[in-house]
Amino acid sequence: MAKGPNAFRTISEAADELGVPQHVLRFWETKFSFIRPMKRAGGRRFYRPQDVAVLNGVRTLLHSEGLTIKGVQKLHRDQGLAQVIAAGIGSNGSASLDLDVDYEAPAAGARRLGGETRDRLAFALDDLTAIKSRLDGLLAR
C-alpha cells in the first residue's frame, strides 16, 4: 500500500523518491542547517513532506543548477528557504506538495527574524498544520 502525500518518509523512502543515496541525505544534514528531519528513538529519521520539498530543492540546486554547497548556503542565507524549495518545483512530484505555509517576505516594518529562527518556526507551523489536519480527519469519522 502506497503512502499518502502527507505521510512521513523514512530516510530510505526519501532517498528513493529523490534519487540519491541515503548517505547523501545524512551528509546534507551536516552542511545545511535548514535540513532537520524529525528524529525518533535511536536516531531514526522521518522526513515530513516539507522536508522532502527542501531536499528536492537542494538536490536540484546542486545537481541540476550546478551550485556548490557554499552557493546553496548563500542562496538560503540571502533569499530564504522559499527560494530553495522553489528551485525544486517541477523537477519531480515531491515538490508539488501543498506545504500550507506562507513563505512570503514579511510586511514592511515587521521585525525580521534570522534565517534559522524563521525556518524553525516554519517547520513548527508545518508540524502543527499536519497535526490539525489529522485531528480534523479523526473528528470527521
N, C-alpha and C. Protein backbone atom coordinates (compact mmCIF):
# COMPACT_ATOMS: atom_id res chain seq x y z
N MET A 1 0.84 -1.18 0.00
CA MET A 1 0.00 0.00 0.00
C MET A 1 0.89 1.25 0.00
N ALA A 2 0.67 2.14 -0.94
CA ALA A 2 1.48 3.35 -1.07
C ALA A 2 1.09 4.36 0.01
N LYS A 3 2.06 5.14 0.42
CA LYS A 3 1.81 6.17 1.43
C LYS A 3 1.13 7.36 0.78
N GLY A 4 0.36 8.07 1.59
CA GLY A 4 -0.31 9.27 1.12
C GLY A 4 0.69 10.41 0.95
N PRO A 5 0.29 11.48 0.29
CA PRO A 5 1.20 12.60 0.03
C PRO A 5 1.65 13.32 1.30
N ASN A 6 0.87 13.23 2.39
CA ASN A 6 1.25 13.91 3.62
C ASN A 6 1.91 12.99 4.64
N ALA A 7 2.17 11.75 4.26
CA ALA A 7 2.80 10.80 5.17
C ALA A 7 4.28 11.11 5.33
N PHE A 8 4.79 10.79 6.50
CA PHE A 8 6.22 10.96 6.75
C PHE A 8 6.97 9.86 6.00
N ARG A 9 8.19 10.16 5.60
CA ARG A 9 9.02 9.21 4.87
C ARG A 9 10.23 8.83 5.71
N THR A 10 10.62 7.57 5.63
CA THR A 10 11.88 7.15 6.24
C THR A 10 13.00 7.66 5.34
N ILE A 11 14.22 7.53 5.83
CA ILE A 11 15.35 8.01 5.02
C ILE A 11 15.45 7.21 3.72
N SER A 12 15.16 5.92 3.77
CA SER A 12 15.24 5.13 2.54
C SER A 12 14.15 5.54 1.54
N GLU A 13 12.95 5.83 2.04
CA GLU A 13 11.88 6.27 1.15
C GLU A 13 12.19 7.65 0.56
N ALA A 14 12.69 8.55 1.39
CA ALA A 14 13.04 9.89 0.89
C ALA A 14 14.17 9.79 -0.14
N ALA A 15 15.17 8.98 0.15
CA ALA A 15 16.30 8.82 -0.77
C ALA A 15 15.82 8.25 -2.11
N ASP A 16 14.95 7.24 -2.06
CA ASP A 16 14.42 6.65 -3.29
C ASP A 16 13.60 7.67 -4.07
N GLU A 17 12.78 8.44 -3.37
CA GLU A 17 11.94 9.44 -4.03
C GLU A 17 12.78 10.52 -4.72
N LEU A 18 13.90 10.88 -4.09
CA LEU A 18 14.75 11.93 -4.64
C LEU A 18 15.82 11.41 -5.60
N GLY A 19 16.03 10.10 -5.59
CA GLY A 19 17.03 9.52 -6.49
C GLY A 19 18.46 9.76 -6.03
N VAL A 20 18.67 9.82 -4.73
CA VAL A 20 20.02 9.98 -4.18
C VAL A 20 20.24 8.92 -3.10
N PRO A 21 21.48 8.54 -2.83
CA PRO A 21 21.74 7.56 -1.77
C PRO A 21 21.44 8.15 -0.38
N GLN A 22 21.16 7.28 0.57
CA GLN A 22 20.85 7.71 1.94
C GLN A 22 21.99 8.50 2.56
N HIS A 23 23.22 8.09 2.28
CA HIS A 23 24.35 8.79 2.91
C HIS A 23 24.43 10.24 2.44
N VAL A 24 23.93 10.53 1.26
CA VAL A 24 23.93 11.90 0.75
C VAL A 24 22.98 12.76 1.60
N LEU A 25 21.82 12.21 1.95
CA LEU A 25 20.88 12.96 2.80
C LEU A 25 21.50 13.23 4.17
N ARG A 26 22.19 12.25 4.72
CA ARG A 26 22.85 12.45 6.01
C ARG A 26 23.95 13.52 5.90
N PHE A 27 24.69 13.49 4.79
CA PHE A 27 25.74 14.48 4.56
C PHE A 27 25.14 15.88 4.44
N TRP A 28 24.05 16.01 3.68
CA TRP A 28 23.42 17.31 3.52
C TRP A 28 22.97 17.88 4.86
N GLU A 29 22.52 17.01 5.77
CA GLU A 29 22.12 17.48 7.11
C GLU A 29 23.29 18.18 7.81
N THR A 30 24.51 17.71 7.57
CA THR A 30 25.68 18.31 8.22
C THR A 30 26.06 19.64 7.57
N LYS A 31 25.71 19.82 6.32
CA LYS A 31 26.11 21.03 5.58
C LYS A 31 25.04 22.11 5.55
N PHE A 32 23.79 21.73 5.70
CA PHE A 32 22.68 22.69 5.60
C PHE A 32 21.87 22.66 6.88
N SER A 33 21.96 23.73 7.66
CA SER A 33 21.27 23.79 8.95
C SER A 33 19.75 23.76 8.81
N PHE A 34 19.24 24.08 7.64
CA PHE A 34 17.80 24.11 7.43
C PHE A 34 17.22 22.73 7.10
N ILE A 35 18.05 21.72 6.99
CA ILE A 35 17.57 20.35 6.79
C ILE A 35 17.55 19.68 8.15
N ARG A 36 16.34 19.52 8.68
CA ARG A 36 16.19 18.95 10.02
C ARG A 36 15.02 17.98 10.04
N PRO A 37 15.23 16.73 9.66
CA PRO A 37 14.13 15.77 9.75
C PRO A 37 13.82 15.48 11.22
N MET A 38 12.63 14.99 11.46
CA MET A 38 12.30 14.56 12.82
C MET A 38 13.13 13.33 13.13
N LYS A 39 13.55 13.22 14.37
CA LYS A 39 14.30 12.02 14.78
C LYS A 39 13.58 11.38 15.95
N ARG A 40 13.38 10.09 15.83
CA ARG A 40 12.72 9.32 16.88
C ARG A 40 13.78 8.60 17.70
N ALA A 41 13.31 7.77 18.60
CA ALA A 41 14.21 7.00 19.45
C ALA A 41 15.22 6.25 18.60
N GLY A 42 16.45 6.26 19.04
CA GLY A 42 17.51 5.59 18.30
C GLY A 42 18.02 6.40 17.12
N GLY A 43 17.54 7.64 16.97
CA GLY A 43 18.02 8.49 15.89
C GLY A 43 17.40 8.23 14.54
N ARG A 44 16.34 7.43 14.48
CA ARG A 44 15.69 7.14 13.20
C ARG A 44 15.04 8.41 12.64
N ARG A 45 15.34 8.70 11.39
CA ARG A 45 14.87 9.93 10.75
C ARG A 45 13.52 9.71 10.07
N PHE A 46 12.67 10.73 10.20
CA PHE A 46 11.41 10.77 9.47
C PHE A 46 11.31 12.12 8.79
N TYR A 47 11.09 12.08 7.48
CA TYR A 47 11.04 13.30 6.68
C TYR A 47 9.58 13.67 6.42
N ARG A 48 9.23 14.89 6.81
CA ARG A 48 7.90 15.43 6.54
C ARG A 48 7.84 15.82 5.06
N PRO A 49 6.64 16.01 4.53
CA PRO A 49 6.53 16.43 3.12
C PRO A 49 7.34 17.69 2.83
N GLN A 50 7.34 18.65 3.74
CA GLN A 50 8.11 19.88 3.51
C GLN A 50 9.60 19.61 3.56
N ASP A 51 10.04 18.62 4.36
CA ASP A 51 11.46 18.25 4.37
C ASP A 51 11.87 17.70 3.00
N VAL A 52 11.00 16.88 2.43
CA VAL A 52 11.29 16.30 1.11
C VAL A 52 11.33 17.40 0.06
N ALA A 53 10.45 18.40 0.19
CA ALA A 53 10.46 19.53 -0.76
C ALA A 53 11.76 20.32 -0.65
N VAL A 54 12.24 20.52 0.58
CA VAL A 54 13.51 21.22 0.78
C VAL A 54 14.65 20.41 0.19
N LEU A 55 14.67 19.11 0.47
CA LEU A 55 15.72 18.23 -0.07
C LEU A 55 15.70 18.23 -1.60
N ASN A 56 14.50 18.24 -2.16
CA ASN A 56 14.38 18.26 -3.62
C ASN A 56 14.97 19.55 -4.18
N GLY A 57 14.74 20.67 -3.49
CA GLY A 57 15.32 21.94 -3.91
C GLY A 57 16.84 21.91 -3.84
N VAL A 58 17.37 21.36 -2.75
CA VAL A 58 18.82 21.25 -2.59
C VAL A 58 19.40 20.37 -3.70
N ARG A 59 18.75 19.23 -3.95
CA ARG A 59 19.22 18.32 -5.00
C ARG A 59 19.24 19.02 -6.35
N THR A 60 18.19 19.75 -6.65
CA THR A 60 18.11 20.47 -7.93
C THR A 60 19.20 21.52 -8.03
N LEU A 61 19.39 22.28 -6.97
CA LEU A 61 20.42 23.33 -6.99
C LEU A 61 21.82 22.75 -7.15
N LEU A 62 22.09 21.65 -6.46
CA LEU A 62 23.43 21.05 -6.53
C LEU A 62 23.65 20.28 -7.82
N HIS A 63 22.70 19.43 -8.19
CA HIS A 63 22.91 18.51 -9.30
C HIS A 63 22.50 19.08 -10.66
N SER A 64 21.42 19.85 -10.70
CA SER A 64 20.94 20.36 -11.99
C SER A 64 21.43 21.78 -12.29
N GLU A 65 21.44 22.62 -11.26
CA GLU A 65 21.82 24.02 -11.46
C GLU A 65 23.33 24.23 -11.33
N GLY A 66 24.03 23.26 -10.76
CA GLY A 66 25.48 23.34 -10.67
C GLY A 66 26.02 24.21 -9.55
N LEU A 67 25.18 24.57 -8.57
CA LEU A 67 25.67 25.35 -7.45
C LEU A 67 26.55 24.48 -6.56
N THR A 68 27.45 25.12 -5.85
CA THR A 68 28.26 24.42 -4.85
C THR A 68 27.49 24.41 -3.54
N ILE A 69 28.01 23.67 -2.56
CA ILE A 69 27.40 23.67 -1.24
C ILE A 69 27.38 25.08 -0.67
N LYS A 70 28.49 25.79 -0.79
CA LYS A 70 28.54 27.17 -0.31
C LYS A 70 27.56 28.06 -1.07
N GLY A 71 27.36 27.77 -2.35
CA GLY A 71 26.40 28.54 -3.14
C GLY A 71 24.97 28.35 -2.64
N VAL A 72 24.62 27.11 -2.30
CA VAL A 72 23.28 26.84 -1.77
C VAL A 72 23.14 27.48 -0.39
N GLN A 73 24.17 27.40 0.44
CA GLN A 73 24.13 28.04 1.76
C GLN A 73 23.92 29.55 1.61
N LYS A 74 24.60 30.17 0.66
CA LYS A 74 24.47 31.61 0.43
C LYS A 74 23.07 31.95 -0.09
N LEU A 75 22.55 31.14 -1.00
CA LEU A 75 21.20 31.36 -1.52
C LEU A 75 20.20 31.32 -0.37
N HIS A 76 20.33 30.33 0.50
CA HIS A 76 19.43 30.23 1.64
C HIS A 76 19.57 31.44 2.56
N ARG A 77 20.79 31.82 2.84
CA ARG A 77 21.05 32.95 3.73
C ARG A 77 20.49 34.25 3.15
N ASP A 78 20.68 34.46 1.85
CA ASP A 78 20.28 35.71 1.20
C ASP A 78 18.80 35.76 0.83
N GLN A 79 18.26 34.61 0.37
CA GLN A 79 16.90 34.63 -0.17
C GLN A 79 15.90 33.77 0.58
N GLY A 80 16.38 32.96 1.52
CA GLY A 80 15.47 32.20 2.37
C GLY A 80 15.13 30.81 1.85
N LEU A 81 14.43 30.10 2.70
CA LEU A 81 14.06 28.72 2.41
C LEU A 81 13.10 28.61 1.22
N ALA A 82 12.26 29.61 1.05
CA ALA A 82 11.30 29.58 -0.06
C ALA A 82 12.02 29.45 -1.40
N GLN A 83 13.15 30.10 -1.54
CA GLN A 83 13.90 30.04 -2.80
C GLN A 83 14.50 28.66 -3.01
N VAL A 84 14.93 28.02 -1.93
CA VAL A 84 15.46 26.66 -2.03
C VAL A 84 14.36 25.71 -2.47
N ILE A 85 13.19 25.84 -1.85
CA ILE A 85 12.05 24.99 -2.21
C ILE A 85 11.63 25.25 -3.65
N ALA A 86 11.58 26.53 -4.02
CA ALA A 86 11.16 26.90 -5.38
C ALA A 86 12.07 26.29 -6.44
N ALA A 87 13.34 26.10 -6.10
CA ALA A 87 14.27 25.52 -7.07
C ALA A 87 13.87 24.11 -7.45
N GLY A 88 13.23 23.40 -6.53
CA GLY A 88 12.84 22.02 -6.80
C GLY A 88 11.49 21.87 -7.45
N ILE A 89 10.73 22.95 -7.56
CA ILE A 89 9.39 22.88 -8.15
C ILE A 89 9.50 22.40 -9.60
N GLY A 90 8.75 21.38 -9.90
CA GLY A 90 8.71 20.85 -11.26
C GLY A 90 9.78 19.84 -11.58
N SER A 91 10.77 19.64 -10.70
CA SER A 91 11.82 18.68 -11.02
C SER A 91 11.43 17.25 -10.69
N ASN A 92 10.48 17.07 -9.76
CA ASN A 92 9.82 15.77 -9.55
C ASN A 92 8.55 15.98 -8.78
N GLY A 93 7.77 14.94 -8.60
CA GLY A 93 6.45 15.05 -7.99
C GLY A 93 6.45 15.53 -6.57
N SER A 94 7.54 15.34 -5.82
CA SER A 94 7.52 15.71 -4.41
C SER A 94 7.42 17.21 -4.20
N ALA A 95 7.83 17.99 -5.17
CA ALA A 95 7.80 19.43 -5.00
C ALA A 95 6.41 20.01 -5.20
N SER A 96 5.47 19.22 -5.68
CA SER A 96 4.13 19.73 -5.90
C SER A 96 3.28 19.60 -4.65
N LEU A 97 3.88 19.29 -3.52
CA LEU A 97 3.16 19.14 -2.27
C LEU A 97 2.53 20.46 -1.86
N ASP A 98 1.39 20.37 -1.18
CA ASP A 98 0.77 21.53 -0.60
C ASP A 98 1.39 21.73 0.77
N LEU A 99 2.26 22.71 0.91
CA LEU A 99 3.01 22.88 2.15
C LEU A 99 2.25 23.65 3.21
N ASP A 100 1.15 24.30 2.86
CA ASP A 100 0.31 25.02 3.81
C ASP A 100 1.06 26.06 4.62
N VAL A 101 2.17 26.55 4.13
CA VAL A 101 2.92 27.56 4.87
C VAL A 101 3.21 28.72 3.94
N ASP A 102 2.99 29.92 4.42
CA ASP A 102 3.26 31.11 3.64
C ASP A 102 4.71 31.52 3.86
N TYR A 103 5.53 31.38 2.83
CA TYR A 103 6.94 31.72 2.94
C TYR A 103 7.26 33.09 2.36
N GLU A 104 6.23 33.96 2.24
CA GLU A 104 6.47 35.28 1.67
C GLU A 104 7.29 36.13 2.61
N ALA A 105 7.88 37.17 2.06
CA ALA A 105 8.67 38.10 2.86
C ALA A 105 7.77 38.81 3.85
N PRO A 106 8.31 39.19 5.00
CA PRO A 106 7.50 39.89 6.00
C PRO A 106 7.06 41.26 5.50
N ALA A 107 5.97 41.75 6.07
CA ALA A 107 5.44 43.06 5.69
C ALA A 107 6.44 44.15 6.08
N ALA A 108 6.34 45.28 5.39
CA ALA A 108 7.23 46.40 5.69
C ALA A 108 7.08 46.80 7.15
N GLY A 109 8.17 47.04 7.81
CA GLY A 109 8.15 47.44 9.21
C GLY A 109 8.11 46.27 10.18
N ALA A 110 7.89 45.07 9.68
CA ALA A 110 7.87 43.90 10.55
C ALA A 110 9.29 43.57 10.99
N ARG A 111 9.40 43.05 12.18
CA ARG A 111 10.71 42.66 12.69
C ARG A 111 11.17 41.42 11.94
N ARG A 112 12.37 41.46 11.40
CA ARG A 112 12.89 40.33 10.63
C ARG A 112 13.53 39.32 11.56
N LEU A 113 13.18 38.08 11.36
CA LEU A 113 13.79 37.01 12.12
C LEU A 113 15.00 36.50 11.37
N GLY A 114 15.95 35.96 12.11
CA GLY A 114 17.11 35.34 11.47
C GLY A 114 16.66 34.14 10.65
N GLY A 115 17.43 33.78 9.66
CA GLY A 115 17.06 32.69 8.75
C GLY A 115 16.77 31.39 9.46
N GLU A 116 17.62 31.00 10.39
CA GLU A 116 17.41 29.73 11.08
C GLU A 116 16.18 29.79 11.98
N THR A 117 15.96 30.90 12.67
CA THR A 117 14.79 31.05 13.53
C THR A 117 13.52 31.00 12.70
N ARG A 118 13.53 31.69 11.58
CA ARG A 118 12.37 31.70 10.69
C ARG A 118 12.09 30.30 10.17
N ASP A 119 13.13 29.57 9.80
CA ASP A 119 12.97 28.22 9.28
C ASP A 119 12.41 27.29 10.35
N ARG A 120 12.91 27.42 11.57
CA ARG A 120 12.42 26.58 12.67
C ARG A 120 10.94 26.86 12.94
N LEU A 121 10.56 28.13 12.90
CA LEU A 121 9.16 28.48 13.10
C LEU A 121 8.30 27.93 11.96
N ALA A 122 8.80 28.01 10.73
CA ALA A 122 8.05 27.48 9.59
C ALA A 122 7.86 25.97 9.71
N PHE A 123 8.91 25.26 10.13
CA PHE A 123 8.78 23.82 10.31
C PHE A 123 7.82 23.49 11.45
N ALA A 124 7.86 24.27 12.54
CA ALA A 124 6.93 24.05 13.64
C ALA A 124 5.49 24.27 13.17
N LEU A 125 5.29 25.32 12.38
CA LEU A 125 3.96 25.57 11.84
C LEU A 125 3.52 24.42 10.93
N ASP A 126 4.42 23.90 10.13
CA ASP A 126 4.10 22.77 9.27
C ASP A 126 3.66 21.56 10.10
N ASP A 127 4.40 21.29 11.17
CA ASP A 127 4.04 20.17 12.05
C ASP A 127 2.66 20.37 12.65
N LEU A 128 2.39 21.57 13.15
CA LEU A 128 1.10 21.86 13.75
C LEU A 128 -0.04 21.76 12.73
N THR A 129 0.22 22.22 11.52
CA THR A 129 -0.78 22.13 10.46
C THR A 129 -1.08 20.67 10.12
N ALA A 130 -0.04 19.84 10.06
CA ALA A 130 -0.24 18.41 9.78
C ALA A 130 -1.02 17.74 10.91
N ILE A 131 -0.71 18.10 12.14
CA ILE A 131 -1.43 17.53 13.29
C ILE A 131 -2.90 17.94 13.25
N LYS A 132 -3.15 19.22 12.96
CA LYS A 132 -4.53 19.70 12.87
C LYS A 132 -5.29 18.96 11.79
N SER A 133 -4.64 18.74 10.66
CA SER A 133 -5.28 18.03 9.56
C SER A 133 -5.65 16.60 9.98
N ARG A 134 -4.74 15.94 10.67
CA ARG A 134 -5.02 14.59 11.14
C ARG A 134 -6.17 14.58 12.15
N LEU A 135 -6.15 15.54 13.08
CA LEU A 135 -7.24 15.62 14.06
C LEU A 135 -8.57 15.91 13.39
N ASP A 136 -8.58 16.80 12.41
CA ASP A 136 -9.82 17.08 11.66
C ASP A 136 -10.34 15.81 11.00
N GLY A 137 -9.42 15.02 10.44
CA GLY A 137 -9.82 13.75 9.81
C GLY A 137 -10.40 12.78 10.81
N LEU A 138 -9.82 12.70 11.98
CA LEU A 138 -10.35 11.82 13.02
C LEU A 138 -11.72 12.29 13.52
N LEU A 139 -11.89 13.59 13.67
CA LEU A 139 -13.17 14.13 14.13
C LEU A 139 -14.26 13.94 13.09
N ALA A 140 -13.90 13.90 11.83
CA ALA A 140 -14.88 13.75 10.75
C ALA A 140 -15.43 12.32 10.66
N ARG A 141 -14.75 11.38 11.29
CA ARG A 141 -15.19 9.98 11.22
C ARG A 141 -16.47 9.76 11.95
